[in-house]
Amino acid sequence: MLKRLVWFTLILTIMLVSPAGAQSLPGKWRGKLVLAPQAVLTIGININHSAKGYSLTLDSPNQGMFDYQPSQFIIDGNHVQFQDDKLNASFSGTLVK
């Protein structure tokens, strides 16, 4: 499980610092989580912004998980952080423009 979490964090970090998507935080951020040569999951973070503030959900299409709301998240400027108790996962990253 720890190995999955490390890869999850690494892939999401790469997604958030990728120059191809370095515009703004709101949007759909996607990446591949490679667990083994034949085990690859698509992982996504969905960030929306409205007058009420930010919302963040997670997707794992290979596992049939969409619009999952983590236990808590913080979006501050270009920094995104979330934690989920049920998934035992966390992430912290900064969008580099």
PDB file of N, CA and C in Angstrom:
ATOM      1  N   MET A   1       0.821  -1.195   0.000  1.00  0.00           N
ATOM      2  CA  MET A   1       0.000   0.000   0.000  1.00  0.00           C
ATOM      3  C   MET A   1       0.866   1.260   0.000  1.00  0.00           C
ATOM      4  N   LEU A   2       1.954   1.247   0.764  1.00  0.00           N
ATOM      5  CA  LEU A   2       2.843   2.392   0.815  1.00  0.00           C
ATOM      6  C   LEU A   2       3.453   2.669  -0.552  1.00  0.00           C
ATOM      7  N   LYS A   3       3.802   1.604  -1.285  1.00  0.00           N
ATOM      8  CA  LYS A   3       4.375   1.778  -2.622  1.00  0.00           C
ATOM      9  C   LYS A   3       3.373   2.465  -3.545  1.00  0.00           C
ATOM     10  N   ARG A   4       2.114   2.099  -3.446  1.00  0.00           N
ATOM     11  CA  ARG A   4       1.069   2.736  -4.258  1.00  0.00           C
ATOM     12  C   ARG A   4       0.969   4.218  -3.935  1.00  0.00           C
ATOM     13  N   LEU A   5       1.002   4.534  -2.646  1.00  0.00           N
ATOM     14  CA  LEU A   5       0.900   5.914  -2.219  1.00  0.00           C
ATOM     15  C   LEU A   5       2.078   6.738  -2.733  1.00  0.00           C
ATOM     16  N   VAL A   6       3.273   6.166  -2.701  1.00  0.00           N
ATOM     17  CA  VAL A   6       4.452   6.869  -3.205  1.00  0.00           C
ATOM     18  C   VAL A   6       4.301   7.149  -4.688  1.00  0.00           C
ATOM     19  N   TRP A   7       3.883   6.153  -5.456  1.00  0.00           N
ATOM     20  CA  TRP A   7       3.695   6.349  -6.901  1.00  0.00           C
ATOM     21  C   TRP A   7       2.578   7.350  -7.180  1.00  0.00           C
ATOM     22  N   PHE A   8       1.500   7.249  -6.428  1.00  0.00           N
ATOM     23  CA  PHE A   8       0.381   8.170  -6.577  1.00  0.00           C
ATOM     24  C   PHE A   8       0.861   9.606  -6.389  1.00  0.00           C
ATOM     25  N   THR A   9       1.625   9.833  -5.339  1.00  0.00           N
ATOM     26  CA  THR A   9       2.148  11.166  -5.053  1.00  0.00           C
ATOM     27  C   THR A   9       3.096  11.626  -6.145  1.00  0.00           C
ATOM     28  N   LEU A  10       3.970  10.752  -6.610  1.00  0.00           N
ATOM     29  CA  LEU A  10       4.927  11.102  -7.656  1.00  0.00           C
ATOM     30  C   LEU A  10       4.220  11.497  -8.948  1.00  0.00           C
ATOM     31  N   ILE A  11       3.273  10.692  -9.379  1.00  0.00           N
ATOM     32  CA  ILE A  11       2.563  10.967 -10.627  1.00  0.00           C
ATOM     33  C   ILE A  11       1.768  12.274 -10.533  1.00  0.00           C
ATOM     34  N   LEU A  12       1.088  12.485  -9.420  1.00  0.00           N
ATOM     35  CA  LEU A  12       0.305  13.706  -9.291  1.00  0.00           C
ATOM     36  C   LEU A  12       1.200  14.937  -9.208  1.00  0.00           C
ATOM     37  N   THR A  13       2.369  14.789  -8.615  1.00  0.00           N
ATOM     38  CA  THR A  13       3.322  15.894  -8.580  1.00  0.00           C
ATOM     39  C   THR A  13       3.748  16.252  -9.995  1.00  0.00           C
ATOM     40  N   ILE A  14       4.052  15.251 -10.785  1.00  0.00           N
ATOM     41  CA  ILE A  14       4.445  15.481 -12.179  1.00  0.00           C
ATOM     42  C   ILE A  14       3.312  16.154 -12.941  1.00  0.00           C
ATOM     43  N   MET A  15       2.079  15.721 -12.696  1.00  0.00           N
ATOM     44  CA  MET A  15       0.943  16.318 -13.394  1.00  0.00           C
ATOM     45  C   MET A  15       0.808  17.799 -13.053  1.00  0.00           C
ATOM     46  N   LEU A  16       1.019  18.171 -11.803  1.00  0.00           N
ATOM     47  CA  LEU A  16       0.827  19.552 -11.404  1.00  0.00           C
ATOM     48  C   LEU A  16       1.970  20.465 -11.814  1.00  0.00           C
ATOM     49  N   VAL A  17       3.148  19.935 -12.067  1.00  0.00           N
ATOM     50  CA  VAL A  17       4.254  20.796 -12.486  1.00  0.00           C
ATOM     51  C   VAL A  17       4.521  20.699 -13.982  1.00  0.00           C
ATOM     52  N   SER A  18       3.702  19.971 -14.681  1.00  0.00           N
ATOM     53  CA  SER A  18       3.863  19.799 -16.130  1.00  0.00           C
ATOM     54  C   SER A  18       3.621  21.112 -16.870  1.00  0.00           C
ATOM     55  N   PRO A  19       4.583  21.542 -17.712  1.00  0.00           N
ATOM     56  CA  PRO A  19       4.395  22.793 -18.443  1.00  0.00           C
ATOM     57  C   PRO A  19       3.211  22.770 -19.396  1.00  0.00           C
ATOM     58  N   ALA A  20       2.834  21.598 -19.878  1.00  0.00           N
ATOM     59  CA  ALA A  20       1.720  21.506 -20.829  1.00  0.00           C
ATOM     60  C   ALA A  20       0.414  21.961 -20.195  1.00  0.00           C
ATOM     61  N   GLY A  21       0.280  21.798 -18.880  1.00  0.00           N
ATOM     62  CA  GLY A  21      -0.959  22.193 -18.220  1.00  0.00           C
ATOM     63  C   GLY A  21      -0.777  23.394 -17.322  1.00  0.00           C
ATOM     64  N   ALA A  22       0.335  24.090 -17.432  1.00  0.00           N
ATOM     65  CA  ALA A  22       0.639  25.175 -16.507  1.00  0.00           C
ATOM     66  C   ALA A  22      -0.107  26.447 -16.875  1.00  0.00           C
ATOM     67  N   GLN A  23      -1.413  26.443 -16.708  1.00  0.00           N
ATOM     68  CA  GLN A  23      -2.214  27.620 -16.979  1.00  0.00           C
ATOM     69  C   GLN A  23      -2.845  28.105 -15.681  1.00  0.00           C
ATOM     70  N   SER A  24      -3.729  27.313 -15.122  1.00  0.00           N
ATOM     71  CA  SER A  24      -4.361  27.635 -13.848  1.00  0.00           C
ATOM     72  C   SER A  24      -4.824  26.334 -13.208  1.00  0.00           C
ATOM     73  N   LEU A  25      -5.100  26.386 -11.932  1.00  0.00           N
ATOM     74  CA  LEU A  25      -5.482  25.166 -11.220  1.00  0.00           C
ATOM     75  C   LEU A  25      -6.828  24.584 -11.633  1.00  0.00           C
ATOM     76  N   PRO A  26      -7.886  25.379 -11.785  1.00  0.00           N
ATOM     77  CA  PRO A  26      -9.160  24.773 -12.151  1.00  0.00           C
ATOM     78  C   PRO A  26      -9.068  23.983 -13.458  1.00  0.00           C
ATOM     79  N   GLY A  27      -9.655  22.810 -13.433  1.00  0.00           N
ATOM     80  CA  GLY A  27      -9.658  21.943 -14.604  1.00  0.00           C
ATOM     81  C   GLY A  27      -9.531  20.497 -14.203  1.00  0.00           C
ATOM     82  N   LYS A  28      -9.305  19.651 -15.200  1.00  0.00           N
ATOM     83  CA  LYS A  28      -9.147  18.215 -14.981  1.00  0.00           C
ATOM     84  C   LYS A  28      -7.684  17.865 -15.170  1.00  0.00           C
ATOM     85  N   TRP A  29      -7.062  17.330 -14.145  1.00  0.00           N
ATOM     86  CA  TRP A  29      -5.661  16.931 -14.162  1.00  0.00           C
ATOM     87  C   TRP A  29      -5.607  15.416 -14.182  1.00  0.00           C
ATOM     88  N   ARG A  30      -4.910  14.842 -15.162  1.00  0.00           N
ATOM     89  CA  ARG A  30      -4.858  13.389 -15.331  1.00  0.00           C
ATOM     90  C   ARG A  30      -3.424  12.904 -15.427  1.00  0.00           C
ATOM     91  N   GLY A  31      -3.223  11.657 -15.013  1.00  0.00           N
ATOM     92  CA  GLY A  31      -1.917  11.033 -15.121  1.00  0.00           C
ATOM     93  C   GLY A  31      -2.047   9.530 -14.964  1.00  0.00           C
ATOM     94  N   LYS A  32      -0.989   8.828 -15.253  1.00  0.00           N
ATOM     95  CA  LYS A  32      -0.962   7.370 -15.147  1.00  0.00           C
ATOM     96  C   LYS A  32      -0.189   6.972 -13.892  1.00  0.00           C
ATOM     97  N   LEU A  33      -0.767   6.092 -13.115  1.00  0.00           N
ATOM     98  CA  LEU A  33      -0.130   5.529 -11.935  1.00  0.00           C
ATOM     99  C   LEU A  33       0.304   4.114 -12.300  1.00  0.00           C
ATOM    100  N   VAL A  34       1.601   3.886 -12.436  1.00  0.00           N
ATOM    101  CA  VAL A  34       2.138   2.580 -12.816  1.00  0.00           C
ATOM    102  C   VAL A  34       2.457   1.797 -11.550  1.00  0.00           C
ATOM    103  N   LEU A  35       1.658   0.762 -11.291  1.00  0.00           N
ATOM    104  CA  LEU A  35       1.861  -0.083 -10.115  1.00  0.00           C
ATOM    105  C   LEU A  35       2.811  -1.238 -10.418  1.00  0.00           C
ATOM    106  N   ALA A  36       2.760  -1.717 -11.654  1.00  0.00           N
ATOM    107  CA  ALA A  36       3.606  -2.805 -12.147  1.00  0.00           C
ATOM    108  C   ALA A  36       3.559  -2.694 -13.677  1.00  0.00           C
ATOM    109  N   PRO A  37       4.453  -3.390 -14.403  1.00  0.00           N
ATOM    110  CA  PRO A  37       4.444  -3.262 -15.867  1.00  0.00           C
ATOM    111  C   PRO A  37       3.070  -3.474 -16.514  1.00  0.00           C
ATOM    112  N   GLN A  38       2.258  -4.374 -15.977  1.00  0.00           N
ATOM    113  CA  GLN A  38       0.938  -4.623 -16.553  1.00  0.00           C
ATOM    114  C   GLN A  38      -0.199  -4.030 -15.720  1.00  0.00           C
ATOM    115  N   ALA A  39       0.120  -3.221 -14.734  1.00  0.00           N
ATOM    116  CA  ALA A  39      -0.909  -2.642 -13.864  1.00  0.00           C
ATOM    117  C   ALA A  39      -0.774  -1.118 -13.855  1.00  0.00           C
ATOM    118  N   VAL A  40      -1.576  -0.476 -14.691  1.00  0.00           N
ATOM    119  CA  VAL A  40      -1.543   0.981 -14.816  1.00  0.00           C
ATOM    120  C   VAL A  40      -2.941   1.521 -14.547  1.00  0.00           C
ATOM    121  N   LEU A  41      -3.024   2.526 -13.696  1.00  0.00           N
ATOM    122  CA  LEU A  41      -4.294   3.173 -13.400  1.00  0.00           C
ATOM    123  C   LEU A  41      -4.251   4.616 -13.870  1.00  0.00           C
ATOM    124  N   THR A  42      -5.356   5.080 -14.427  1.00  0.00           N
ATOM    125  CA  THR A  42      -5.498   6.496 -14.724  1.00  0.00           C
ATOM    126  C   THR A  42      -6.029   7.156 -13.457  1.00  0.00           C
ATOM    127  N   ILE A  43      -5.365   8.215 -13.036  1.00  0.00           N
ATOM    128  CA  ILE A  43      -5.747   8.931 -11.821  1.00  0.00           C
ATOM    129  C   ILE A  43      -6.049  10.369 -12.210  1.00  0.00           C
ATOM    130  N   GLY A  44      -7.066  10.957 -11.607  1.00  0.00           N
ATOM    131  CA  GLY A  44      -7.413  12.328 -11.928  1.00  0.00           C
ATOM    132  C   GLY A  44      -7.790  13.154 -10.720  1.00  0.00           C
ATOM    133  N   ILE A  45      -7.491  14.441 -10.823  1.00  0.00           N
ATOM    134  CA  ILE A  45      -7.933  15.429  -9.841  1.00  0.00           C
ATOM    135  C   ILE A  45      -8.760  16.446 -10.612  1.00  0.00           C
ATOM    136  N   ASN A  46      -9.953  16.719 -10.124  1.00  0.00           N
ATOM    137  CA  ASN A  46     -10.841  17.705 -10.736  1.00  0.00           C
ATOM    138  C   ASN A  46     -10.941  18.899  -9.799  1.00  0.00           C
ATOM    139  N   ILE A  47     -10.551  20.074 -10.289  1.00  0.00           N
ATOM    140  CA  ILE A  47     -10.601  21.277  -9.475  1.00  0.00           C
ATOM    141  C   ILE A  47     -11.544  22.266 -10.151  1.00  0.00           C
ATOM    142  N   ASN A  48     -12.535  22.715  -9.393  1.00  0.00           N
ATOM    143  CA  ASN A  48     -13.495  23.696  -9.888  1.00  0.00           C
ATOM    144  C   ASN A  48     -13.458  24.922  -8.995  1.00  0.00           C
ATOM    145  N   HIS A  49     -13.745  26.081  -9.593  1.00  0.00           N
ATOM    146  CA  HIS A  49     -13.779  27.323  -8.830  1.00  0.00           C
ATOM    147  C   HIS A  49     -15.063  28.061  -9.157  1.00  0.00           C
ATOM    148  N   SER A  50     -15.761  28.497  -8.124  1.00  0.00           N
ATOM    149  CA  SER A  50     -16.990  29.268  -8.301  1.00  0.00           C
ATOM    150  C   SER A  50     -16.978  30.417  -7.300  1.00  0.00           C
ATOM    151  N   ALA A  51     -18.050  31.158  -7.270  1.00  0.00           N
ATOM    152  CA  ALA A  51     -18.158  32.264  -6.324  1.00  0.00           C
ATOM    153  C   ALA A  51     -18.089  31.768  -4.874  1.00  0.00           C
ATOM    154  N   LYS A  52     -18.465  30.523  -4.641  1.00  0.00           N
ATOM    155  CA  LYS A  52     -18.432  29.946  -3.290  1.00  0.00           C
ATOM    156  C   LYS A  52     -17.056  29.430  -2.907  1.00  0.00           C
ATOM    157  N   GLY A  53     -16.122  29.379  -3.848  1.00  0.00           N
ATOM    158  CA  GLY A  53     -14.772  28.897  -3.567  1.00  0.00           C
ATOM    159  C   GLY A  53     -14.424  27.699  -4.431  1.00  0.00           C
ATOM    160  N   TYR A  54     -13.423  26.952  -3.984  1.00  0.00           N
ATOM    161  CA  TYR A  54     -12.935  25.797  -4.733  1.00  0.00           C
ATOM    162  C   TYR A  54     -13.626  24.510  -4.294  1.00  0.00           C
ATOM    163  N   SER A  55     -13.683  23.567  -5.232  1.00  0.00           N
ATOM    164  CA  SER A  55     -14.079  22.192  -4.914  1.00  0.00           C
ATOM    165  C   SER A  55     -13.061  21.280  -5.573  1.00  0.00           C
ATOM    166  N   LEU A  56     -12.856  20.113  -4.977  1.00  0.00           N
ATOM    167  CA  LEU A  56     -11.878  19.156  -5.486  1.00  0.00           C
ATOM    168  C   LEU A  56     -12.448  17.762  -5.374  1.00  0.00           C
ATOM    169  N   THR A  57     -12.375  17.005  -6.468  1.00  0.00           N
ATOM    170  CA  THR A  57     -12.784  15.608  -6.452  1.00  0.00           C
ATOM    171  C   THR A  57     -11.705  14.776  -7.137  1.00  0.00           C
ATOM    172  N   LEU A  58     -11.739  13.472  -6.878  1.00  0.00           N
ATOM    173  CA  LEU A  58     -10.771  12.533  -7.436  1.00  0.00           C
ATOM    174  C   LEU A  58     -11.478  11.530  -8.329  1.00  0.00           C
ATOM    175  N   ASP A  59     -10.777  11.086  -9.383  1.00  0.00           N
ATOM    176  CA  ASP A  59     -11.282  10.047 -10.283  1.00  0.00           C
ATOM    177  C   ASP A  59     -10.248   8.937 -10.401  1.00  0.00           C
ATOM    178  N   SER A  60     -10.738   7.705 -10.501  1.00  0.00           N
ATOM    179  CA  SER A  60      -9.926   6.549 -10.866  1.00  0.00           C
ATOM    180  C   SER A  60     -10.787   5.712 -11.806  1.00  0.00           C
ATOM    181  N   PRO A  61     -10.840   6.080 -13.100  1.00  0.00           N
ATOM    182  CA  PRO A  61     -11.745   5.424 -14.044  1.00  0.00           C
ATOM    183  C   PRO A  61     -11.573   3.908 -14.124  1.00  0.00           C
ATOM    184  N   ASN A  62     -10.338   3.418 -14.024  1.00  0.00           N
ATOM    185  CA  ASN A  62     -10.109   1.973 -14.090  1.00  0.00           C
ATOM    186  C   ASN A  62     -10.796   1.231 -12.951  1.00  0.00           C
ATOM    187  N   GLN A  63     -11.011   1.921 -11.850  1.00  0.00           N
ATOM    188  CA  GLN A  63     -11.656   1.315 -10.689  1.00  0.00           C
ATOM    189  C   GLN A  63     -13.121   1.731 -10.553  1.00  0.00           C
ATOM    190  N   GLY A  64     -13.609   2.496 -11.523  1.00  0.00           N
ATOM    191  CA  GLY A  64     -15.003   2.931 -11.495  1.00  0.00           C
ATOM    192  C   GLY A  64     -15.291   4.000 -10.448  1.00  0.00           C
ATOM    193  N   MET A  65     -14.267   4.740 -10.037  1.00  0.00           N
ATOM    194  CA  MET A  65     -14.439   5.780  -9.025  1.00  0.00           C
ATOM    195  C   MET A  65     -14.407   7.150  -9.709  1.00  0.00           C
ATOM    196  N   PHE A  66     -15.493   7.909  -9.555  1.00  0.00           N
ATOM    197  CA  PHE A  66     -15.588   9.234 -10.151  1.00  0.00           C
ATOM    198  C   PHE A  66     -16.133  10.218  -9.123  1.00  0.00           C
ATOM    199  N   ASP A  67     -15.640  11.449  -9.189  1.00  0.00           N
ATOM    200  CA  ASP A  67     -16.122  12.535  -8.326  1.00  0.00           C
ATOM    201  C   ASP A  67     -16.080  12.183  -6.842  1.00  0.00           C
ATOM    202  N   TYR A  68     -15.030  11.481  -6.452  1.00  0.00           N
ATOM    203  CA  TYR A  68     -14.832  11.116  -5.040  1.00  0.00           C
ATOM    204  C   TYR A  68     -14.322  12.331  -4.276  1.00  0.00           C
ATOM    205  N   GLN A  69     -14.960  12.668  -3.184  1.00  0.00           N
ATOM    206  CA  GLN A  69     -14.552  13.816  -2.395  1.00  0.00           C
ATOM    207  C   GLN A  69     -13.629  13.372  -1.268  1.00  0.00           C
ATOM    208  N   PRO A  70     -12.384  13.860  -1.263  1.00  0.00           N
ATOM    209  CA  PRO A  70     -11.471  13.479  -0.189  1.00  0.00           C
ATOM    210  C   PRO A  70     -11.922  14.050   1.152  1.00  0.00           C
ATOM    211  N   SER A  71     -11.402  13.485   2.231  1.00  0.00           N
ATOM    212  CA  SER A  71     -11.768  13.921   3.581  1.00  0.00           C
ATOM    213  C   SER A  71     -11.552  15.420   3.768  1.00  0.00           C
ATOM    214  N   GLN A  72     -10.437  15.918   3.232  1.00  0.00           N
ATOM    215  CA  GLN A  72     -10.163  17.346   3.326  1.00  0.00           C
ATOM    216  C   GLN A  72      -9.222  17.778   2.208  1.00  0.00           C
ATOM    217  N   PHE A  73      -9.313  19.048   1.845  1.00  0.00           N
ATOM    218  CA  PHE A  73      -8.398  19.589   0.847  1.00  0.00           C
ATOM    219  C   PHE A  73      -8.187  21.068   1.114  1.00  0.00           C
ATOM    220  N   ILE A  74      -7.057  21.559   0.634  1.00  0.00           N
ATOM    221  CA  ILE A  74      -6.718  22.976   0.737  1.00  0.00           C
ATOM    222  C   ILE A  74      -6.179  23.412  -0.620  1.00  0.00           C
ATOM    223  N   ILE A  75      -6.686  24.519  -1.124  1.00  0.00           N
ATOM    224  CA  ILE A  75      -6.144  25.134  -2.332  1.00  0.00           C
ATOM    225  C   ILE A  75      -5.806  26.563  -1.950  1.00  0.00           C
ATOM    226  N   ASP A  76      -4.530  26.886  -2.055  1.00  0.00           N
ATOM    227  CA  ASP A  76      -4.044  28.207  -1.661  1.00  0.00           C
ATOM    228  C   ASP A  76      -3.109  28.714  -2.754  1.00  0.00           C
ATOM    229  N   GLY A  77      -3.590  29.650  -3.552  1.00  0.00           N
ATOM    230  CA  GLY A  77      -2.788  30.129  -4.676  1.00  0.00           C
ATOM    231  C   GLY A  77      -2.582  29.006  -5.672  1.00  0.00           C
ATOM    232  N   ASN A  78      -1.335  28.632  -5.924  1.00  0.00           N
ATOM    233  CA  ASN A  78      -1.012  27.532  -6.838  1.00  0.00           C
ATOM    234  C   ASN A  78      -0.712  26.234  -6.103  1.00  0.00           C
ATOM    235  N   HIS A  79      -1.014  26.184  -4.827  1.00  0.00           N
ATOM    236  CA  HIS A  79      -0.720  24.989  -4.029  1.00  0.00           C
ATOM    237  C   HIS A  79      -2.002  24.187  -3.787  1.00  0.00           C
ATOM    238  N   VAL A  80      -1.912  22.875  -4.009  1.00  0.00           N
ATOM    239  CA  VAL A  80      -3.030  21.955  -3.793  1.00  0.00           C
ATOM    240  C   VAL A  80      -2.589  20.893  -2.795  1.00  0.00           C
ATOM    241  N   GLN A  81      -3.444  20.627  -1.845  1.00  0.00           N
ATOM    242  CA  GLN A  81      -3.154  19.589  -0.853  1.00  0.00           C
ATOM    243  C   GLN A  81      -4.462  18.885  -0.516  1.00  0.00           C
ATOM    244  N   PHE A  82      -4.425  17.556  -0.462  1.00  0.00           N
ATOM    245  CA  PHE A  82      -5.602  16.839   0.010  1.00  0.00           C
ATOM    246  C   PHE A  82      -5.187  15.611   0.796  1.00  0.00           C
ATOM    247  N   GLN A  83      -6.131  15.142   1.589  1.00  0.00           N
ATOM    248  CA  GLN A  83      -5.933  13.941   2.396  1.00  0.00           C
ATOM    249  C   GLN A  83      -7.258  13.192   2.414  1.00  0.00           C
ATOM    250  N   ASP A  84      -7.165  11.871   2.363  1.00  0.00           N
ATOM    251  CA  ASP A  84      -8.375  11.074   2.481  1.00  0.00           C
ATOM    252  C   ASP A  84      -8.134   9.922   3.432  1.00  0.00           C
ATOM    253  N   ASP A  85      -8.960   9.850   4.459  1.00  0.00           N
ATOM    254  CA  ASP A  85      -8.809   8.815   5.485  1.00  0.00           C
ATOM    255  C   ASP A  85      -9.188   7.429   4.962  1.00  0.00           C
ATOM    256  N   LYS A  86     -10.243   7.346   4.178  1.00  0.00           N
ATOM    257  CA  LYS A  86     -10.703   6.044   3.670  1.00  0.00           C
ATOM    258  C   LYS A  86      -9.698   5.427   2.697  1.00  0.00           C
ATOM    259  N   LEU A  87      -9.130   6.237   1.809  1.00  0.00           N
ATOM    260  CA  LEU A  87      -8.152   5.742   0.839  1.00  0.00           C
ATOM    261  C   LEU A  87      -6.750   5.656   1.432  1.00  0.00           C
ATOM    262  N   ASN A  88      -6.568   6.240   2.604  1.00  0.00           N
ATOM    263  CA  ASN A  88      -5.253   6.312   3.240  1.00  0.00           C
ATOM    264  C   ASN A  88      -4.241   6.921   2.269  1.00  0.00           C
ATOM    265  N   ALA A  89      -4.638   8.060   1.685  1.00  0.00           N
ATOM    266  CA  ALA A  89      -3.806   8.716   0.677  1.00  0.00           C
ATOM    267  C   ALA A  89      -3.751  10.210   0.959  1.00  0.00           C
ATOM    268  N   SER A  90      -2.653  10.806   0.549  1.00  0.00           N
ATOM    269  CA  SER A  90      -2.527  12.255   0.655  1.00  0.00           C
ATOM    270  C   SER A  90      -1.672  12.752  -0.500  1.00  0.00           C
ATOM    271  N   PHE A  91      -1.786  14.050  -0.755  1.00  0.00           N
ATOM    272  CA  PHE A  91      -1.038  14.661  -1.848  1.00  0.00           C
ATOM    273  C   PHE A  91      -0.797  16.119  -1.516  1.00  0.00           C
ATOM    274  N   SER A  92       0.355  16.605  -1.918  1.00  0.00           N
ATOM    275  CA  SER A  92       0.685  18.019  -1.796  1.00  0.00           C
ATOM    276  C   SER A  92       1.513  18.400  -2.997  1.00  0.00           C
ATOM    277  N   GLY A  93       1.115  19.437  -3.721  1.00  0.00           N
ATOM    278  CA  GLY A  93       1.858  19.858  -4.900  1.00  0.00           C
ATOM    279  C   GLY A  93       1.611  21.307  -5.235  1.00  0.00           C
ATOM    280  N   THR A  94       2.506  21.868  -6.021  1.00  0.00           N
ATOM    281  CA  THR A  94       2.409  23.256  -6.432  1.00  0.00           C
ATOM    282  C   THR A  94       2.496  23.352  -7.947  1.00  0.00           C
ATOM    283  N   LEU A  95       1.587  24.089  -8.538  1.00  0.00           N
ATOM    284  CA  LEU A  95       1.599  24.331  -9.977  1.00  0.00           C
ATOM    285  C   LEU A  95       2.681  25.354 -10.270  1.00  0.00           C
ATOM    286  N   VAL A  96       3.613  24.990 -11.158  1.00  0.00           N
ATOM    287  CA  VAL A  96       4.687  25.892 -11.538  1.00  0.00           C
ATOM    288  C   VAL A  96       4.360  26.440 -12.919  1.00  0.00           C
ATOM    289  N   LYS A  97       4.233  27.755 -13.025  1.00  0.00           N
ATOM    290  CA  LYS A  97       3.882  28.387 -14.301  1.00  0.00           C
ATOM    291  C   LYS A  97       5.102  28.790 -15.047  1.00  0.00           C
TER     292      LYS A  97
END
